[in-house]
């Protein structure tokens, strides 16, 4: 749950959250922040905002029908040749 603090002037500050990151992810975030001349906190806020917007955009798109989802995979497959000549089937005729 985000916590809200008040400044010395009495105005409410933005909500704050705590996030625990693995060491390697924290180092990558710090490097990105340095490249863009931002603070680590500001870089995290920008990346979270972009991720939330991308996630919301995906939720707004209609789900494709099953045949639309699988068609590209089928079209990429190469046709397979049958091995050997086709065999004749014997039909069972009662009587």
Protein backbone atom coordinates (compact mmCIF):
# COMPACT_ATOMS: atom_id res chain seq x y z
CA UNK A 1 0.00 0.00 0.00
CA UNK A 2 1.53 3.35 -0.99
CA UNK A 3 2.29 5.71 1.87
CA UNK A 4 1.69 9.44 1.66
CA UNK A 5 3.77 11.96 3.47
CA UNK A 6 3.29 15.68 3.92
CA UNK A 7 5.94 18.27 3.24
CA UNK A 8 7.00 20.90 5.74
CA UNK A 9 4.58 23.32 4.06
CA UNK A 10 1.70 20.92 4.73
CA UNK A 11 1.13 19.97 1.06
CA UNK A 12 0.78 16.22 0.46
CA UNK A 13 3.68 14.54 -1.35
CA UNK A 14 3.32 11.90 -4.05
CA UNK A 15 2.64 8.36 -2.80
CA UNK A 16 5.74 6.26 -2.14
CA UNK A 17 6.29 2.54 -2.50
CA UNK A 18 9.20 0.26 -1.72
CA UNK A 19 10.49 -2.26 -4.22
CA UNK A 20 13.12 -4.94 -3.62
CA UNK A 21 15.31 -5.57 -6.69
CA UNK A 22 17.96 -8.18 -7.38
CA UNK A 23 21.50 -6.76 -7.45
CA UNK A 24 21.95 -7.15 -11.23
CA UNK A 25 18.64 -5.43 -12.02
CA UNK A 26 19.48 -2.58 -9.65
CA UNK A 27 22.86 -2.14 -11.38
CA UNK A 28 21.19 -2.09 -14.81
CA UNK A 29 18.64 0.47 -13.60
CA UNK A 30 21.43 2.65 -12.20
CA UNK A 31 23.34 2.45 -15.50
CA UNK A 32 20.22 3.47 -17.46
CA UNK A 33 19.61 6.36 -15.10
CA UNK A 34 23.17 7.57 -15.50
CA UNK A 35 22.97 7.35 -19.31
CA UNK A 36 19.86 9.53 -19.31
CA UNK A 37 21.08 11.91 -16.57
CA UNK A 38 18.22 10.96 -14.25
CA UNK A 39 18.02 9.83 -10.68
CA UNK A 40 17.48 6.12 -10.13
CA UNK A 41 14.08 6.88 -8.60
CA UNK A 42 13.01 8.98 -11.60
CA UNK A 43 14.26 6.34 -14.06
CA UNK A 44 12.27 3.67 -12.20
CA UNK A 45 9.15 5.87 -12.33
CA UNK A 46 9.52 6.42 -16.09
CA UNK A 47 10.03 2.71 -16.80
CA UNK A 48 7.11 1.69 -14.59
CA UNK A 49 4.88 4.26 -16.30
CA UNK A 50 5.85 2.95 -19.77
CA UNK A 51 5.24 -0.63 -18.67
CA UNK A 52 1.81 0.15 -17.21
CA UNK A 53 0.79 2.03 -20.37
CA UNK A 54 1.95 -0.87 -22.58
CA UNK A 55 0.05 -3.34 -20.39
CA UNK A 56 -3.12 -1.24 -20.56
CA UNK A 57 -2.82 -0.99 -24.37
CA UNK A 58 -2.63 -4.78 -24.61
CA UNK A 59 -5.76 -5.12 -22.48
CA UNK A 60 -7.72 -2.78 -24.77
CA UNK A 61 -6.95 -4.73 -27.94
CA UNK A 62 -9.59 -7.33 -28.85
CA UNK A 63 -8.47 -10.93 -28.55
CA UNK A 64 -7.94 -12.54 -31.97
CA UNK A 65 -10.02 -15.57 -32.84
CA UNK A 66 -8.32 -18.95 -32.57
CA UNK A 67 -7.88 -19.37 -36.31
CA UNK A 68 -6.24 -15.93 -36.56
CA UNK A 69 -3.78 -16.82 -33.81
CA UNK A 70 -2.69 -20.14 -35.34
CA UNK A 71 -2.85 -19.33 -39.07
CA UNK A 72 0.63 -17.73 -39.32
CA UNK A 73 2.22 -20.84 -37.80
CA UNK A 74 0.46 -23.14 -40.26
CA UNK A 75 1.35 -20.93 -43.21
CA UNK A 76 5.05 -21.00 -42.27
CA UNK A 77 5.17 -24.80 -42.20
CA UNK A 78 6.48 -26.53 -45.30
CA UNK A 79 4.21 -29.16 -46.84
CA UNK A 80 5.31 -32.70 -46.03
CA UNK A 81 5.46 -35.47 -48.57
CA UNK A 82 3.89 -38.82 -47.80
CA UNK A 83 6.31 -41.72 -47.55
CA UNK A 84 5.75 -44.37 -50.20
CA UNK A 85 2.76 -44.93 -52.38
CA UNK A 86 -0.68 -44.66 -50.86
CA UNK A 87 -2.09 -47.97 -49.68
CA UNK A 88 -5.42 -49.24 -50.81
CA UNK A 89 -8.02 -49.68 -48.15
CA UNK A 90 -10.24 -52.73 -48.03
CA UNK A 91 -13.74 -51.77 -47.21
CA UNK A 92 -15.75 -54.09 -45.04
CA UNK A 93 -19.02 -55.01 -46.68
CA UNK A 94 -21.45 -56.89 -44.53
CA UNK A 95 -23.10 -59.75 -46.11
